Amino acid sequence: MTSISIKLTENKDDINKDMKESLTRSRYDKHDLYYMFHDVVLDAIGKDLDKDILLKIYETLPESIRCTAEQWGLSDTVFRDEAYEWIENNVHEIAKYIQ
């Protein structure tokens, strides 16, 4: 059982790395980040931010929320609702990016 747990952890790290690279290369190059995630952030904190800052905020989101985005897309209602709630409740986590 221990070896399975270790293997899953290694695979999980690989998946997270692949997911981040995939999002950075493909989805962030498209309009999804700016037009979908931008609106979530704007609604949550009332500030209009550029793509670089949005990417930093996205990377600050909990892994479970980022996985929802990867699986269903940044325009998915579940992702948008979870991201909005997290941002609204954790402004202190992203304050360094929005000043």
PDB file of N, CA and C in Angstrom:
ATOM      1  N   MET A   1       0.814  -1.203   0.000  1.00  0.00           N
ATOM      2  CA  MET A   1       0.000   0.000   0.000  1.00  0.00           C
ATOM      3  C   MET A   1       0.855   1.264   0.000  1.00  0.00           C
ATOM      4  N   THR A   2       1.952   1.254   0.718  1.00  0.00           N
ATOM      5  CA  THR A   2       2.823   2.420   0.754  1.00  0.00           C
ATOM      6  C   THR A   2       3.398   2.727  -0.617  1.00  0.00           C
ATOM      7  N   SER A   3       3.843   1.718  -1.338  1.00  0.00           N
ATOM      8  CA  SER A   3       4.423   1.969  -2.658  1.00  0.00           C
ATOM      9  C   SER A   3       3.392   2.534  -3.630  1.00  0.00           C
ATOM     10  N   ILE A   4       2.153   2.143  -3.492  1.00  0.00           N
ATOM     11  CA  ILE A   4       1.090   2.699  -4.339  1.00  0.00           C
ATOM     12  C   ILE A   4       0.915   4.179  -4.030  1.00  0.00           C
ATOM     13  N   SER A   5       0.921   4.517  -2.751  1.00  0.00           N
ATOM     14  CA  SER A   5       0.767   5.910  -2.344  1.00  0.00           C
ATOM     15  C   SER A   5       1.904   6.760  -2.890  1.00  0.00           C
ATOM     16  N   ILE A   6       3.112   6.259  -2.820  1.00  0.00           N
ATOM     17  CA  ILE A   6       4.257   7.002  -3.333  1.00  0.00           C
ATOM     18  C   ILE A   6       4.137   7.175  -4.842  1.00  0.00           C
ATOM     19  N   LYS A   7       3.753   6.115  -5.523  1.00  0.00           N
ATOM     20  CA  LYS A   7       3.604   6.201  -6.974  1.00  0.00           C
ATOM     21  C   LYS A   7       2.516   7.208  -7.351  1.00  0.00           C
ATOM     22  N   LEU A   8       1.415   7.209  -6.633  1.00  0.00           N
ATOM     23  CA  LEU A   8       0.344   8.159  -6.922  1.00  0.00           C
ATOM     24  C   LEU A   8       0.818   9.589  -6.715  1.00  0.00           C
ATOM     25  N   THR A   9       1.612   9.805  -5.673  1.00  0.00           N
ATOM     26  CA  THR A   9       2.129  11.142  -5.417  1.00  0.00           C
ATOM     27  C   THR A   9       3.034  11.583  -6.553  1.00  0.00           C
ATOM     28  N   GLU A  10       3.888  10.690  -7.026  1.00  0.00           N
ATOM     29  CA  GLU A  10       4.762  11.039  -8.144  1.00  0.00           C
ATOM     30  C   GLU A  10       3.935  11.361  -9.383  1.00  0.00           C
ATOM     31  N   ASN A  11       2.940  10.548  -9.667  1.00  0.00           N
ATOM     32  CA  ASN A  11       2.083  10.803 -10.824  1.00  0.00           C
ATOM     33  C   ASN A  11       1.317  12.108 -10.667  1.00  0.00           C
ATOM     34  N   LYS A  12       0.861  12.391  -9.462  1.00  0.00           N
ATOM     35  CA  LYS A  12       0.120  13.614  -9.203  1.00  0.00           C
ATOM     36  C   LYS A  12       0.999  14.834  -9.493  1.00  0.00           C
ATOM     37  N   ASP A  13       2.263  14.777  -9.073  1.00  0.00           N
ATOM     38  CA  ASP A  13       3.170  15.883  -9.348  1.00  0.00           C
ATOM     39  C   ASP A  13       3.380  16.056 -10.844  1.00  0.00           C
ATOM     40  N   ASP A  14       3.526  14.941 -11.558  1.00  0.00           N
ATOM     41  CA  ASP A  14       3.683  15.006 -13.010  1.00  0.00           C
ATOM     42  C   ASP A  14       2.451  15.596 -13.674  1.00  0.00           C
ATOM     43  N   ILE A  15       1.281  15.174 -13.199  1.00  0.00           N
ATOM     44  CA  ILE A  15       0.022  15.688 -13.744  1.00  0.00           C
ATOM     45  C   ILE A  15      -0.075  17.184 -13.500  1.00  0.00           C
ATOM     46  N   ASN A  16       0.243  17.645 -12.290  1.00  0.00           N
ATOM     47  CA  ASN A  16       0.183  19.073 -11.982  1.00  0.00           C
ATOM     48  C   ASN A  16       1.137  19.865 -12.854  1.00  0.00           C
ATOM     49  N   LYS A  17       2.350  19.351 -13.063  1.00  0.00           N
ATOM     50  CA  LYS A  17       3.321  20.029 -13.914  1.00  0.00           C
ATOM     51  C   LYS A  17       2.797  20.100 -15.346  1.00  0.00           C
ATOM     52  N   ASP A  18       2.298  18.973 -15.842  1.00  0.00           N
ATOM     53  CA  ASP A  18       1.753  18.943 -17.202  1.00  0.00           C
ATOM     54  C   ASP A  18       0.563  19.874 -17.339  1.00  0.00           C
ATOM     55  N   MET A  19      -0.305  19.898 -16.316  1.00  0.00           N
ATOM     56  CA  MET A  19      -1.487  20.746 -16.348  1.00  0.00           C
ATOM     57  C   MET A  19      -1.075  22.215 -16.407  1.00  0.00           C
ATOM     58  N   LYS A  20      -0.127  22.607 -15.578  1.00  0.00           N
ATOM     59  CA  LYS A  20       0.304  23.999 -15.560  1.00  0.00           C
ATOM     60  C   LYS A  20       0.919  24.390 -16.895  1.00  0.00           C
ATOM     61  N   GLU A  21       1.766  23.517 -17.449  1.00  0.00           N
ATOM     62  CA  GLU A  21       2.368  23.807 -18.742  1.00  0.00           C
ATOM     63  C   GLU A  21       1.308  23.887 -19.835  1.00  0.00           C
ATOM     64  N   SER A  22       0.334  22.996 -19.787  1.00  0.00           N
ATOM     65  CA  SER A  22      -0.735  22.998 -20.775  1.00  0.00           C
ATOM     66  C   SER A  22      -1.553  24.273 -20.693  1.00  0.00           C
ATOM     67  N   LEU A  23      -1.923  24.663 -19.485  1.00  0.00           N
ATOM     68  CA  LEU A  23      -2.703  25.883 -19.315  1.00  0.00           C
ATOM     69  C   LEU A  23      -1.901  27.100 -19.740  1.00  0.00           C
ATOM     70  N   THR A  24      -0.640  27.128 -19.368  1.00  0.00           N
ATOM     71  CA  THR A  24       0.184  28.278 -19.699  1.00  0.00           C
ATOM     72  C   THR A  24       0.357  28.414 -21.201  1.00  0.00           C
ATOM     73  N   ARG A  25       0.575  27.312 -21.876  1.00  0.00           N
ATOM     74  CA  ARG A  25       0.814  27.369 -23.322  1.00  0.00           C
ATOM     75  C   ARG A  25      -0.455  27.559 -24.125  1.00  0.00           C
ATOM     76  N   SER A  26      -1.507  26.810 -23.804  1.00  0.00           N
ATOM     77  CA  SER A  26      -2.675  26.840 -24.675  1.00  0.00           C
ATOM     78  C   SER A  26      -3.772  27.763 -24.179  1.00  0.00           C
ATOM     79  N   ARG A  27      -4.291  27.530 -23.016  1.00  0.00           N
ATOM     80  CA  ARG A  27      -5.435  28.329 -22.588  1.00  0.00           C
ATOM     81  C   ARG A  27      -5.084  29.777 -22.328  1.00  0.00           C
ATOM     82  N   TYR A  28      -3.886  30.038 -21.822  1.00  0.00           N
ATOM     83  CA  TYR A  28      -3.520  31.414 -21.553  1.00  0.00           C
ATOM     84  C   TYR A  28      -3.202  32.169 -22.838  1.00  0.00           C
ATOM     85  N   ASP A  29      -2.867  31.448 -23.891  1.00  0.00           N
ATOM     86  CA  ASP A  29      -2.623  32.101 -25.160  1.00  0.00           C
ATOM     87  C   ASP A  29      -3.934  32.453 -25.857  1.00  0.00           C
ATOM     88  N   LYS A  30      -5.010  31.841 -25.435  1.00  0.00           N
ATOM     89  CA  LYS A  30      -6.318  32.104 -26.022  1.00  0.00           C
ATOM     90  C   LYS A  30      -7.031  33.176 -25.210  1.00  0.00           C
ATOM     91  N   HIS A  31      -8.217  33.500 -25.592  1.00  0.00           N
ATOM     92  CA  HIS A  31      -8.959  34.553 -24.910  1.00  0.00           C
ATOM     93  C   HIS A  31      -9.560  34.098 -23.588  1.00  0.00           C
ATOM     94  N   ASP A  32      -9.563  32.800 -23.290  1.00  0.00           N
ATOM     95  CA  ASP A  32     -10.209  32.299 -22.072  1.00  0.00           C
ATOM     96  C   ASP A  32      -9.715  32.983 -20.805  1.00  0.00           C
ATOM     97  N   LEU A  33      -8.408  33.102 -20.652  1.00  0.00           N
ATOM     98  CA  LEU A  33      -7.885  33.686 -19.422  1.00  0.00           C
ATOM     99  C   LEU A  33      -8.400  35.096 -19.256  1.00  0.00           C
ATOM    100  N   TYR A  34      -8.224  35.883 -20.287  1.00  0.00           N
ATOM    101  CA  TYR A  34      -8.611  37.276 -20.141  1.00  0.00           C
ATOM    102  C   TYR A  34     -10.118  37.455 -20.062  1.00  0.00           C
ATOM    103  N   TYR A  35     -10.844  36.819 -20.965  1.00  0.00           N
ATOM    104  CA  TYR A  35     -12.276  37.088 -21.025  1.00  0.00           C
ATOM    105  C   TYR A  35     -13.098  36.288 -20.032  1.00  0.00           C
ATOM    106  N   MET A  36     -12.635  35.143 -19.598  1.00  0.00           N
ATOM    107  CA  MET A  36     -13.410  34.330 -18.656  1.00  0.00           C
ATOM    108  C   MET A  36     -12.934  34.533 -17.219  1.00  0.00           C
ATOM    109  N   PHE A  37     -11.663  34.272 -16.976  1.00  0.00           N
ATOM    110  CA  PHE A  37     -11.141  34.412 -15.620  1.00  0.00           C
ATOM    111  C   PHE A  37     -11.087  35.882 -15.224  1.00  0.00           C
ATOM    112  N   HIS A  38     -10.796  36.753 -16.178  1.00  0.00           N
ATOM    113  CA  HIS A  38     -10.778  38.187 -15.917  1.00  0.00           C
ATOM    114  C   HIS A  38     -12.091  38.641 -15.295  1.00  0.00           C
ATOM    115  N   ASP A  39     -13.206  38.188 -15.854  1.00  0.00           N
ATOM    116  CA  ASP A  39     -14.519  38.592 -15.347  1.00  0.00           C
ATOM    117  C   ASP A  39     -14.756  38.089 -13.926  1.00  0.00           C
ATOM    118  N   VAL A  40     -14.281  36.896 -13.626  1.00  0.00           N
ATOM    119  CA  VAL A  40     -14.417  36.349 -12.269  1.00  0.00           C
ATOM    120  C   VAL A  40     -13.661  37.235 -11.284  1.00  0.00           C
ATOM    121  N   VAL A  41     -12.432  37.556 -11.627  1.00  0.00           N
ATOM    122  CA  VAL A  41     -11.597  38.379 -10.747  1.00  0.00           C
ATOM    123  C   VAL A  41     -12.184  39.785 -10.611  1.00  0.00           C
ATOM    124  N   LEU A  42     -12.604  40.354 -11.709  1.00  0.00           N
ATOM    125  CA  LEU A  42     -13.205  41.693 -11.685  1.00  0.00           C
ATOM    126  C   LEU A  42     -14.434  41.720 -10.779  1.00  0.00           C
ATOM    127  N   ASP A  43     -15.295  40.723 -10.912  1.00  0.00           N
ATOM    128  CA  ASP A  43     -16.493  40.655 -10.062  1.00  0.00           C
ATOM    129  C   ASP A  43     -16.133  40.467  -8.588  1.00  0.00           C
ATOM    130  N   ALA A  44     -15.086  39.693  -8.319  1.00  0.00           N
ATOM    131  CA  ALA A  44     -14.718  39.383  -6.934  1.00  0.00           C
ATOM    132  C   ALA A  44     -14.028  40.544  -6.228  1.00  0.00           C
ATOM    133  N   ILE A  45     -13.144  41.258  -6.936  1.00  0.00           N
ATOM    134  CA  ILE A  45     -12.368  42.309  -6.261  1.00  0.00           C
ATOM    135  C   ILE A  45     -12.579  43.704  -6.837  1.00  0.00           C
ATOM    136  N   GLY A  46     -13.280  43.793  -7.954  1.00  0.00           N
ATOM    137  CA  GLY A  46     -13.590  45.096  -8.528  1.00  0.00           C
ATOM    138  C   GLY A  46     -12.414  45.789  -9.200  1.00  0.00           C
ATOM    139  N   LYS A  47     -11.395  45.007  -9.610  1.00  0.00           N
ATOM    140  CA  LYS A  47     -10.234  45.605 -10.280  1.00  0.00           C
ATOM    141  C   LYS A  47     -10.012  44.942 -11.629  1.00  0.00           C
ATOM    142  N   ASP A  48      -9.674  45.753 -12.604  1.00  0.00           N
ATOM    143  CA  ASP A  48      -9.383  45.299 -13.962  1.00  0.00           C
ATOM    144  C   ASP A  48      -7.888  45.020 -14.054  1.00  0.00           C
ATOM    145  N   LEU A  49      -7.510  43.751 -14.196  1.00  0.00           N
ATOM    146  CA  LEU A  49      -6.107  43.351 -14.154  1.00  0.00           C
ATOM    147  C   LEU A  49      -5.645  42.798 -15.496  1.00  0.00           C
ATOM    148  N   ASP A  50      -4.338  42.874 -15.745  1.00  0.00           N
ATOM    149  CA  ASP A  50      -3.799  42.362 -17.005  1.00  0.00           C
ATOM    150  C   ASP A  50      -3.531  40.856 -16.924  1.00  0.00           C
ATOM    151  N   LYS A  51      -3.163  40.272 -18.067  1.00  0.00           N
ATOM    152  CA  LYS A  51      -2.977  38.816 -18.157  1.00  0.00           C
ATOM    153  C   LYS A  51      -1.913  38.283 -17.217  1.00  0.00           C
ATOM    154  N   ASP A  52      -0.814  38.989 -17.064  1.00  0.00           N
ATOM    155  CA  ASP A  52       0.258  38.507 -16.194  1.00  0.00           C
ATOM    156  C   ASP A  52      -0.201  38.393 -14.747  1.00  0.00           C
ATOM    157  N   ILE A  53      -0.930  39.366 -14.289  1.00  0.00           N
ATOM    158  CA  ILE A  53      -1.434  39.331 -12.910  1.00  0.00           C
ATOM    159  C   ILE A  53      -2.516  38.267 -12.771  1.00  0.00           C
ATOM    160  N   LEU A  54      -3.366  38.143 -13.783  1.00  0.00           N
ATOM    161  CA  LEU A  54      -4.395  37.098 -13.740  1.00  0.00           C
ATOM    162  C   LEU A  54      -3.767  35.708 -13.665  1.00  0.00           C
ATOM    163  N   LEU A  55      -2.680  35.508 -14.376  1.00  0.00           N
ATOM    164  CA  LEU A  55      -1.981  34.224 -14.331  1.00  0.00           C
ATOM    165  C   LEU A  55      -1.453  33.956 -12.927  1.00  0.00           C
ATOM    166  N   LYS A  56      -0.892  34.956 -12.286  1.00  0.00           N
ATOM    167  CA  LYS A  56      -0.386  34.793 -10.919  1.00  0.00           C
ATOM    168  C   LYS A  56      -1.529  34.472  -9.961  1.00  0.00           C
ATOM    169  N   ILE A  57      -2.652  35.141 -10.140  1.00  0.00           N
ATOM    170  CA  ILE A  57      -3.810  34.865  -9.278  1.00  0.00           C
ATOM    171  C   ILE A  57      -4.321  33.451  -9.533  1.00  0.00           C
ATOM    172  N   TYR A  58      -4.390  33.068 -10.786  1.00  0.00           N
ATOM    173  CA  TYR A  58      -4.825  31.713 -11.124  1.00  0.00           C
ATOM    174  C   TYR A  58      -3.930  30.676 -10.443  1.00  0.00           C
ATOM    175  N   GLU A  59      -2.639  30.888 -10.491  1.00  0.00           N
ATOM    176  CA  GLU A  59      -1.699  29.950  -9.893  1.00  0.00           C
ATOM    177  C   GLU A  59      -1.806  29.907  -8.374  1.00  0.00           C
ATOM    178  N   THR A  60      -2.408  30.936  -7.778  1.00  0.00           N
ATOM    179  CA  THR A  60      -2.611  30.982  -6.330  1.00  0.00           C
ATOM    180  C   THR A  60      -3.851  30.185  -5.909  1.00  0.00           C
ATOM    181  N   LEU A  61      -4.759  29.953  -6.848  1.00  0.00           N
ATOM    182  CA  LEU A  61      -5.974  29.190  -6.526  1.00  0.00           C
ATOM    183  C   LEU A  61      -5.605  27.797  -6.019  1.00  0.00           C
ATOM    184  N   PRO A  62      -6.430  27.227  -5.152  1.00  0.00           N
ATOM    185  CA  PRO A  62      -6.188  25.850  -4.708  1.00  0.00           C
ATOM    186  C   PRO A  62      -6.165  24.882  -5.891  1.00  0.00           C
ATOM    187  N   GLU A  63      -5.402  23.836  -5.724  1.00  0.00           N
ATOM    188  CA  GLU A  63      -5.231  22.843  -6.782  1.00  0.00           C
ATOM    189  C   GLU A  63      -6.566  22.284  -7.272  1.00  0.00           C
ATOM    190  N   SER A  64      -7.489  22.057  -6.365  1.00  0.00           N
ATOM    191  CA  SER A  64      -8.775  21.472  -6.767  1.00  0.00           C
ATOM    192  C   SER A  64      -9.531  22.388  -7.733  1.00  0.00           C
ATOM    193  N   ILE A  65      -9.439  23.681  -7.521  1.00  0.00           N
ATOM    194  CA  ILE A  65     -10.111  24.635  -8.407  1.00  0.00           C
ATOM    195  C   ILE A  65      -9.407  24.683  -9.761  1.00  0.00           C
ATOM    196  N   ARG A  66      -8.081  24.677  -9.750  1.00  0.00           N
ATOM    197  CA  ARG A  66      -7.329  24.667 -11.013  1.00  0.00           C
ATOM    198  C   ARG A  66      -7.599  23.391 -11.808  1.00  0.00           C
ATOM    199  N   CYS A  67      -7.750  22.274 -11.115  1.00  0.00           N
ATOM    200  CA  CYS A  67      -8.061  21.011 -11.800  1.00  0.00           C
ATOM    201  C   CYS A  67      -9.431  21.068 -12.464  1.00  0.00           C
ATOM    202  N   THR A  68     -10.374  21.716 -11.815  1.00  0.00           N
ATOM    203  CA  THR A  68     -11.700  21.891 -12.424  1.00  0.00           C
ATOM    204  C   THR A  68     -11.571  22.704 -13.709  1.00  0.00           C
ATOM    205  N   ALA A  69     -10.746  23.744 -13.684  1.00  0.00           N
ATOM    206  CA  ALA A  69     -10.533  24.564 -14.881  1.00  0.00           C
ATOM    207  C   ALA A  69      -9.908  23.748 -15.994  1.00  0.00           C
ATOM    208  N   GLU A  70      -8.941  22.922 -15.649  1.00  0.00           N
ATOM    209  CA  GLU A  70      -8.282  22.113 -16.671  1.00  0.00           C
ATOM    210  C   GLU A  70      -9.246  21.092 -17.257  1.00  0.00           C
ATOM    211  N   GLN A  71     -10.056  20.512 -16.404  1.00  0.00           N
ATOM    212  CA  GLN A  71     -10.978  19.480 -16.873  1.00  0.00           C
ATOM    213  C   GLN A  71     -12.133  20.063 -17.673  1.00  0.00           C
ATOM    214  N   TRP A  72     -12.705  21.150 -17.206  1.00  0.00           N
ATOM    215  CA  TRP A  72     -13.936  21.669 -17.806  1.00  0.00           C
ATOM    216  C   TRP A  72     -13.788  23.005 -18.515  1.00  0.00           C
ATOM    217  N   GLY A  73     -12.673  23.681 -18.304  1.00  0.00           N
ATOM    218  CA  GLY A  73     -12.448  24.966 -18.952  1.00  0.00           C
ATOM    219  C   GLY A  73     -12.706  26.140 -18.025  1.00  0.00           C
ATOM    220  N   LEU A  74     -12.115  27.261 -18.370  1.00  0.00           N
ATOM    221  CA  LEU A  74     -12.235  28.461 -17.545  1.00  0.00           C
ATOM    222  C   LEU A  74     -13.627  29.084 -17.614  1.00  0.00           C
ATOM    223  N   SER A  75     -14.410  28.714 -18.589  1.00  0.00           N
ATOM    224  CA  SER A  75     -15.763  29.270 -18.692  1.00  0.00           C
ATOM    225  C   SER A  75     -16.792  28.417 -17.965  1.00  0.00           C
ATOM    226  N   ASP A  76     -16.362  27.303 -17.393  1.00  0.00           N
ATOM    227  CA  ASP A  76     -17.278  26.406 -16.681  1.00  0.00           C
ATOM    228  C   ASP A  76     -17.843  27.093 -15.439  1.00  0.00           C
ATOM    229  N   THR A  77     -19.135  26.942 -15.231  1.00  0.00           N
ATOM    230  CA  THR A  77     -19.810  27.585 -14.105  1.00  0.00           C
ATOM    231  C   THR A  77     -19.247  27.137 -12.771  1.00  0.00           C
ATOM    232  N   VAL A  78     -18.975  25.856 -12.621  1.00  0.00           N
ATOM    233  CA  VAL A  78     -18.433  25.361 -11.351  1.00  0.00           C
ATOM    234  C   VAL A  78     -17.075  26.007 -11.072  1.00  0.00           C
ATOM    235  N   PHE A  79     -16.206  26.041 -12.085  1.00  0.00           N
ATOM    236  CA  PHE A  79     -14.904  26.689 -11.895  1.00  0.00           C
ATOM    237  C   PHE A  79     -15.087  28.161 -11.533  1.00  0.00           C
ATOM    238  N   ARG A  80     -15.900  28.860 -12.285  1.00  0.00           N
ATOM    239  CA  ARG A  80     -16.081  30.300 -12.056  1.00  0.00           C
ATOM    240  C   ARG A  80     -16.636  30.582 -10.669  1.00  0.00           C
ATOM    241  N   ASP A  81     -17.622  29.794 -10.239  1.00  0.00           N
ATOM    242  CA  ASP A  81     -18.204  29.978  -8.906  1.00  0.00           C
ATOM    243  C   ASP A  81     -17.193  29.703  -7.804  1.00  0.00           C
ATOM    244  N   GLU A  82     -16.444  28.596  -7.946  1.00  0.00           N
ATOM    245  CA  GLU A  82     -15.452  28.244  -6.927  1.00  0.00           C
ATOM    246  C   GLU A  82     -14.314  29.270  -6.891  1.00  0.00           C
ATOM    247  N   ALA A  83     -13.862  29.711  -8.056  1.00  0.00           N
ATOM    248  CA  ALA A  83     -12.787  30.700  -8.118  1.00  0.00           C
ATOM    249  C   ALA A  83     -13.249  32.027  -7.517  1.00  0.00           C
ATOM    250  N   TYR A  84     -14.451  32.455  -7.864  1.00  0.00           N
ATOM    251  CA  TYR A  84     -15.002  33.704  -7.325  1.00  0.00           C
ATOM    252  C   TYR A  84     -15.058  33.648  -5.800  1.00  0.00           C
ATOM    253  N   GLU A  85     -15.613  32.579  -5.273  1.00  0.00           N
ATOM    254  CA  GLU A  85     -15.750  32.444  -3.817  1.00  0.00           C
ATOM    255  C   GLU A  85     -14.382  32.431  -3.139  1.00  0.00           C
ATOM    256  N   TRP A  86     -13.427  31.687  -3.720  1.00  0.00           N
ATOM    257  CA  TRP A  86     -12.110  31.614  -3.110  1.00  0.00           C
ATOM    258  C   TRP A  86     -11.434  32.982  -3.133  1.00  0.00           C
ATOM    259  N   ILE A  87     -11.491  33.664  -4.273  1.00  0.00           N
ATOM    260  CA  ILE A  87     -10.852  34.983  -4.389  1.00  0.00           C
ATOM    261  C   ILE A  87     -11.481  35.966  -3.417  1.00  0.00           C
ATOM    262  N   GLU A  88     -12.781  35.984  -3.369  1.00  0.00           N
ATOM    263  CA  GLU A  88     -13.485  36.908  -2.477  1.00  0.00           C
ATOM    264  C   GLU A  88     -13.123  36.662  -1.010  1.00  0.00           C
ATOM    265  N   ASN A  89     -12.961  35.401  -0.650  1.00  0.00           N
ATOM    266  CA  ASN A  89     -12.659  35.044   0.743  1.00  0.00           C
ATOM    267  C   ASN A  89     -11.169  35.033   1.067  1.00  0.00           C
ATOM    268  N   ASN A  90     -10.327  35.184   0.063  1.00  0.00           N
ATOM    269  CA  ASN A  90      -8.879  35.100   0.268  1.00  0.00           C
ATOM    270  C   ASN A  90      -8.135  36.246  -0.402  1.00  0.00           C
ATOM    271  N   VAL A  91      -8.708  37.414  -0.370  1.00  0.00           N
ATOM    272  CA  VAL A  91      -8.079  38.582  -0.993  1.00  0.00           C
ATOM    273  C   VAL A  91      -6.678  38.793  -0.422  1.00  0.00           C
ATOM    274  N   HIS A  92      -6.482  38.468   0.843  1.00  0.00           N
ATOM    275  CA  HIS A  92      -5.158  38.617   1.457  1.00  0.00           C
ATOM    276  C   HIS A  92      -4.103  37.753   0.763  1.00  0.00           C
ATOM    277  N   GLU A  93      -4.524  36.649   0.148  1.00  0.00           N
ATOM    278  CA  GLU A  93      -3.591  35.753  -0.553  1.00  0.00           C
ATOM    279  C   GLU A  93      -3.102  36.366  -1.873  1.00  0.00           C
ATOM    280  N   ILE A  94      -3.912  37.212  -2.457  1.00  0.00           N
ATOM    281  CA  ILE A  94      -3.559  37.781  -3.772  1.00  0.00           C
ATOM    282  C   ILE A  94      -3.251  39.274  -3.699  1.00  0.00           C
ATOM    283  N   ALA A  95      -3.291  39.839  -2.504  1.00  0.00           N
ATOM    284  CA  ALA A  95      -3.099  41.278  -2.342  1.00  0.00           C
ATOM    285  C   ALA A  95      -1.775  41.773  -2.937  1.00  0.00           C
ATOM    286  N   LYS A  96      -0.740  40.959  -2.857  1.00  0.00           N
ATOM    287  CA  LYS A  96       0.560  41.367  -3.382  1.00  0.00           C
ATOM    288  C   LYS A  96       0.540  41.561  -4.901  1.00  0.00           C
ATOM    289  N   TYR A  97      -0.430  40.961  -5.571  1.00  0.00           N
ATOM    290  CA  TYR A  97      -0.521  41.078  -7.024  1.00  0.00           C
ATOM    291  C   TYR A  97      -1.401  42.240  -7.478  1.00  0.00           C
ATOM    292  N   ILE A  98      -2.265  42.720  -6.611  1.00  0.00           N
ATOM    293  CA  ILE A  98      -3.280  43.680  -7.051  1.00  0.00           C
ATOM    294  C   ILE A  98      -3.064  45.090  -6.545  1.00  0.00           C
ATOM    295  N   GLN A  99      -1.937  45.370  -5.938  1.00  0.00           N
ATOM    296  CA  GLN A  99      -1.699  46.712  -5.402  1.00  0.00           C
ATOM    297  C   GLN A  99      -1.122  47.650  -6.414  1.00  0.00           C
TER     298      GLN A  99
END
